[in-house]
Amino acid sequence: MEHCKNPWKDECKSENIKLYIQMKGENLPICQQCWNKIADQEEEW
């Protein structure tokens, strides 16, 4: 099973994948908890 690959939180190993984001041509699985944090950031990606 794949786990979260949040580029801003490498240590996340959650398997509760909510969606995928594309970054530098790669699709990264993102879990529910990390997505909530990413969506609230002003970070550009």
PDB file of N, CA and C in Angstrom:
ATOM      1  N   MET A   1       0.851  -1.178   0.000  1.00  0.00           N
ATOM      2  CA  MET A   1       0.000   0.000   0.000  1.00  0.00           C
ATOM      3  C   MET A   1       0.901   1.248   0.000  1.00  0.00           C
ATOM      4  N   GLU A   2       0.502   2.263  -0.720  1.00  0.00           N
ATOM      5  CA  GLU A   2       1.325   3.477  -0.759  1.00  0.00           C
ATOM      6  C   GLU A   2       1.025   4.382   0.436  1.00  0.00           C
ATOM      7  N   HIS A   3       1.978   5.231   0.751  1.00  0.00           N
ATOM      8  CA  HIS A   3       1.826   6.151   1.874  1.00  0.00           C
ATOM      9  C   HIS A   3       1.993   7.593   1.388  1.00  0.00           C
ATOM     10  N   CYS A   4       1.635   8.506   2.255  1.00  0.00           N
ATOM     11  CA  CYS A   4       1.701   9.929   1.961  1.00  0.00           C
ATOM     12  C   CYS A   4       3.128  10.347   1.607  1.00  0.00           C
ATOM     13  N   LYS A   5       3.250  11.171   0.588  1.00  0.00           N
ATOM     14  CA  LYS A   5       4.561  11.702   0.184  1.00  0.00           C
ATOM     15  C   LYS A   5       4.521  13.227   0.178  1.00  0.00           C
ATOM     16  N   ASN A   6       4.052  13.774   1.271  1.00  0.00           N
ATOM     17  CA  ASN A   6       3.990  15.221   1.441  1.00  0.00           C
ATOM     18  C   ASN A   6       5.406  15.800   1.311  1.00  0.00           C
ATOM     19  N   PRO A   7       5.657  16.667   0.327  1.00  0.00           N
ATOM     20  CA  PRO A   7       7.012  17.192   0.133  1.00  0.00           C
ATOM     21  C   PRO A   7       7.475  18.115   1.256  1.00  0.00           C
ATOM     22  N   TRP A   8       6.567  18.581   2.109  1.00  0.00           N
ATOM     23  CA  TRP A   8       6.928  19.464   3.217  1.00  0.00           C
ATOM     24  C   TRP A   8       6.978  18.722   4.555  1.00  0.00           C
ATOM     25  N   LYS A   9       6.644  17.435   4.540  1.00  0.00           N
ATOM     26  CA  LYS A   9       6.655  16.631   5.770  1.00  0.00           C
ATOM     27  C   LYS A   9       7.039  15.200   5.401  1.00  0.00           C
ATOM     28  N   ASP A  10       8.314  14.969   5.198  1.00  0.00           N
ATOM     29  CA  ASP A  10       8.814  13.680   4.724  1.00  0.00           C
ATOM     30  C   ASP A  10       8.510  12.508   5.647  1.00  0.00           C
ATOM     31  N   GLU A  11       8.343  12.765   6.927  1.00  0.00           N
ATOM     32  CA  GLU A  11       8.162  11.667   7.865  1.00  0.00           C
ATOM     33  C   GLU A  11       6.733  11.122   7.926  1.00  0.00           C
ATOM     34  N   CYS A  12       5.791  11.692   7.206  1.00  0.00           N
ATOM     35  CA  CYS A  12       4.407  11.210   7.231  1.00  0.00           C
ATOM     36  C   CYS A  12       4.319   9.857   6.513  1.00  0.00           C
ATOM     37  N   LYS A  13       3.766   8.875   7.197  1.00  0.00           N
ATOM     38  CA  LYS A  13       3.633   7.525   6.635  1.00  0.00           C
ATOM     39  C   LYS A  13       2.170   7.078   6.558  1.00  0.00           C
ATOM     40  N   SER A  14       1.246   8.032   6.645  1.00  0.00           N
ATOM     41  CA  SER A  14      -0.174   7.705   6.606  1.00  0.00           C
ATOM     42  C   SER A  14      -0.545   7.068   5.269  1.00  0.00           C
ATOM     43  N   GLU A  15      -1.422   6.074   5.318  1.00  0.00           N
ATOM     44  CA  GLU A  15      -1.911   5.415   4.109  1.00  0.00           C
ATOM     45  C   GLU A  15      -3.329   5.876   3.746  1.00  0.00           C
ATOM     46  N   ASN A  16      -3.842   6.867   4.469  1.00  0.00           N
ATOM     47  CA  ASN A  16      -5.175   7.414   4.228  1.00  0.00           C
ATOM     48  C   ASN A  16      -5.078   8.473   3.118  1.00  0.00           C
ATOM     49  N   ILE A  17      -4.850   8.051   1.882  1.00  0.00           N
ATOM     50  CA  ILE A  17      -4.616   8.967   0.777  1.00  0.00           C
ATOM     51  C   ILE A  17      -5.922   9.655   0.373  1.00  0.00           C
ATOM     52  N   LYS A  18      -5.869  10.992   0.351  1.00  0.00           N
ATOM     53  CA  LYS A  18      -7.031  11.816   0.001  1.00  0.00           C
ATOM     54  C   LYS A  18      -6.996  12.205  -1.479  1.00  0.00           C
ATOM     55  N   LEU A  19      -5.796  12.568  -1.959  1.00  0.00           N
ATOM     56  CA  LEU A  19      -5.661  13.021  -3.346  1.00  0.00           C
ATOM     57  C   LEU A  19      -4.205  12.981  -3.761  1.00  0.00           C
ATOM     58  N   TYR A  20      -3.961  13.338  -5.002  1.00  0.00           N
ATOM     59  CA  TYR A  20      -2.607  13.418  -5.536  1.00  0.00           C
ATOM     60  C   TYR A  20      -2.357  14.844  -6.002  1.00  0.00           C
ATOM     61  N   ILE A  21      -1.144  15.320  -5.752  1.00  0.00           N
ATOM     62  CA  ILE A  21      -0.750  16.613  -6.296  1.00  0.00           C
ATOM     63  C   ILE A  21       0.401  16.357  -7.263  1.00  0.00           C
ATOM     64  N   GLN A  22       0.486  17.201  -8.276  1.00  0.00           N
ATOM     65  CA  GLN A  22       1.571  17.067  -9.226  1.00  0.00           C
ATOM     66  C   GLN A  22       2.616  18.132  -8.916  1.00  0.00           C
ATOM     67  N   MET A  23       3.842  17.677  -8.738  1.00  0.00           N
ATOM     68  CA  MET A  23       4.928  18.581  -8.397  1.00  0.00           C
ATOM     69  C   MET A  23       6.165  18.144  -9.170  1.00  0.00           C
ATOM     70  N   LYS A  24       6.695  19.046  -9.985  1.00  0.00           N
ATOM     71  CA  LYS A  24       7.869  18.755 -10.809  1.00  0.00           C
ATOM     72  C   LYS A  24       7.648  17.517 -11.675  1.00  0.00           C
ATOM     73  N   GLY A  25       6.451  17.379 -12.217  1.00  0.00           N
ATOM     74  CA  GLY A  25       6.131  16.280 -13.121  1.00  0.00           C
ATOM     75  C   GLY A  25       5.855  14.949 -12.443  1.00  0.00           C
ATOM     76  N   GLU A  26       5.831  14.912 -11.126  1.00  0.00           N
ATOM     77  CA  GLU A  26       5.587  13.677 -10.389  1.00  0.00           C
ATOM     78  C   GLU A  26       4.276  13.782  -9.614  1.00  0.00           C
ATOM     79  N   ASN A  27       3.457  12.730  -9.649  1.00  0.00           N
ATOM     80  CA  ASN A  27       2.219  12.689  -8.880  1.00  0.00           C
ATOM     81  C   ASN A  27       2.525  12.172  -7.482  1.00  0.00           C
ATOM     82  N   LEU A  28       2.229  12.995  -6.476  1.00  0.00           N
ATOM     83  CA  LEU A  28       2.513  12.644  -5.085  1.00  0.00           C
ATOM     84  C   LEU A  28       1.218  12.365  -4.336  1.00  0.00           C
ATOM     85  N   PRO A  29       1.094  11.184  -3.698  1.00  0.00           N
ATOM     86  CA  PRO A  29      -0.088  10.903  -2.878  1.00  0.00           C
ATOM     87  C   PRO A  29      -0.025  11.717  -1.585  1.00  0.00           C
ATOM     88  N   ILE A  30      -1.156  12.324  -1.226  1.00  0.00           N
ATOM     89  CA  ILE A  30      -1.240  13.152  -0.026  1.00  0.00           C
ATOM     90  C   ILE A  30      -2.388  12.646   0.849  1.00  0.00           C
ATOM     91  N   CYS A  31      -2.117  12.466   2.137  1.00  0.00           N
ATOM     92  CA  CYS A  31      -3.144  11.969   3.053  1.00  0.00           C
ATOM     93  C   CYS A  31      -4.096  13.100   3.480  1.00  0.00           C
ATOM     94  N   GLN A  32      -5.177  12.712   4.109  1.00  0.00           N
ATOM     95  CA  GLN A  32      -6.196  13.668   4.565  1.00  0.00           C
ATOM     96  C   GLN A  32      -5.611  14.720   5.502  1.00  0.00           C
ATOM     97  N   GLN A  33      -4.851  14.290   6.494  1.00  0.00           N
ATOM     98  CA  GLN A  33      -4.312  15.221   7.494  1.00  0.00           C
ATOM     99  C   GLN A  33      -3.342  16.214   6.852  1.00  0.00           C
ATOM    100  N   CYS A  34      -2.447  15.727   6.009  1.00  0.00           N
ATOM    101  CA  CYS A  34      -1.485  16.625   5.358  1.00  0.00           C
ATOM    102  C   CYS A  34      -2.186  17.558   4.384  1.00  0.00           C
ATOM    103  N   TRP A  35      -3.194  17.062   3.677  1.00  0.00           N
ATOM    104  CA  TRP A  35      -3.890  17.918   2.722  1.00  0.00           C
ATOM    105  C   TRP A  35      -4.554  19.091   3.436  1.00  0.00           C
ATOM    106  N   ASN A  36      -5.147  18.843   4.590  1.00  0.00           N
ATOM    107  CA  ASN A  36      -5.771  19.931   5.348  1.00  0.00           C
ATOM    108  C   ASN A  36      -4.753  21.014   5.673  1.00  0.00           C
ATOM    109  N   LYS A  37      -3.533  20.619   6.035  1.00  0.00           N
ATOM    110  CA  LYS A  37      -2.478  21.589   6.349  1.00  0.00           C
ATOM    111  C   LYS A  37      -1.972  22.302   5.096  1.00  0.00           C
ATOM    112  N   ILE A  38      -1.783  21.555   4.019  1.00  0.00           N
ATOM    113  CA  ILE A  38      -1.296  22.142   2.759  1.00  0.00           C
ATOM    114  C   ILE A  38      -2.302  23.142   2.208  1.00  0.00           C
ATOM    115  N   ALA A  39      -3.573  22.783   2.241  1.00  0.00           N
ATOM    116  CA  ALA A  39      -4.621  23.648   1.681  1.00  0.00           C
ATOM    117  C   ALA A  39      -4.722  24.971   2.419  1.00  0.00           C
ATOM    118  N   ASP A  40      -4.342  25.005   3.686  1.00  0.00           N
ATOM    119  CA  ASP A  40      -4.405  26.226   4.477  1.00  0.00           C
ATOM    120  C   ASP A  40      -3.164  27.098   4.344  1.00  0.00           C
ATOM    121  N   GLN A  41      -2.110  26.593   3.696  1.00  0.00           N
ATOM    122  CA  GLN A  41      -0.864  27.345   3.548  1.00  0.00           C
ATOM    123  C   GLN A  41      -0.937  28.336   2.392  1.00  0.00           C
ATOM    124  N   GLU A  42      -0.054  29.300   2.421  1.00  0.00           N
ATOM    125  CA  GLU A  42       0.080  30.263   1.336  1.00  0.00           C
ATOM    126  C   GLU A  42       1.211  29.842   0.390  1.00  0.00           C
ATOM    127  N   GLU A  43       1.710  28.627   0.580  1.00  0.00           N
ATOM    128  CA  GLU A  43       2.820  28.067  -0.193  1.00  0.00           C
ATOM    129  C   GLU A  43       2.442  27.920  -1.670  1.00  0.00           C
ATOM    130  N   GLU A  44       3.353  28.295  -2.559  1.00  0.00           N
ATOM    131  CA  GLU A  44       3.145  28.065  -3.992  1.00  0.00           C
ATOM    132  C   GLU A  44       3.857  26.805  -4.403  1.00  0.00           C
ATOM    133  N   TRP A  45       3.170  25.960  -5.167  1.00  0.00           N
ATOM    134  CA  TRP A  45       3.754  24.736  -5.647  1.00  0.00           C
ATOM    135  C   TRP A  45       3.162  24.456  -6.982  1.00  0.00           C
TER     136      TRP A  45
END
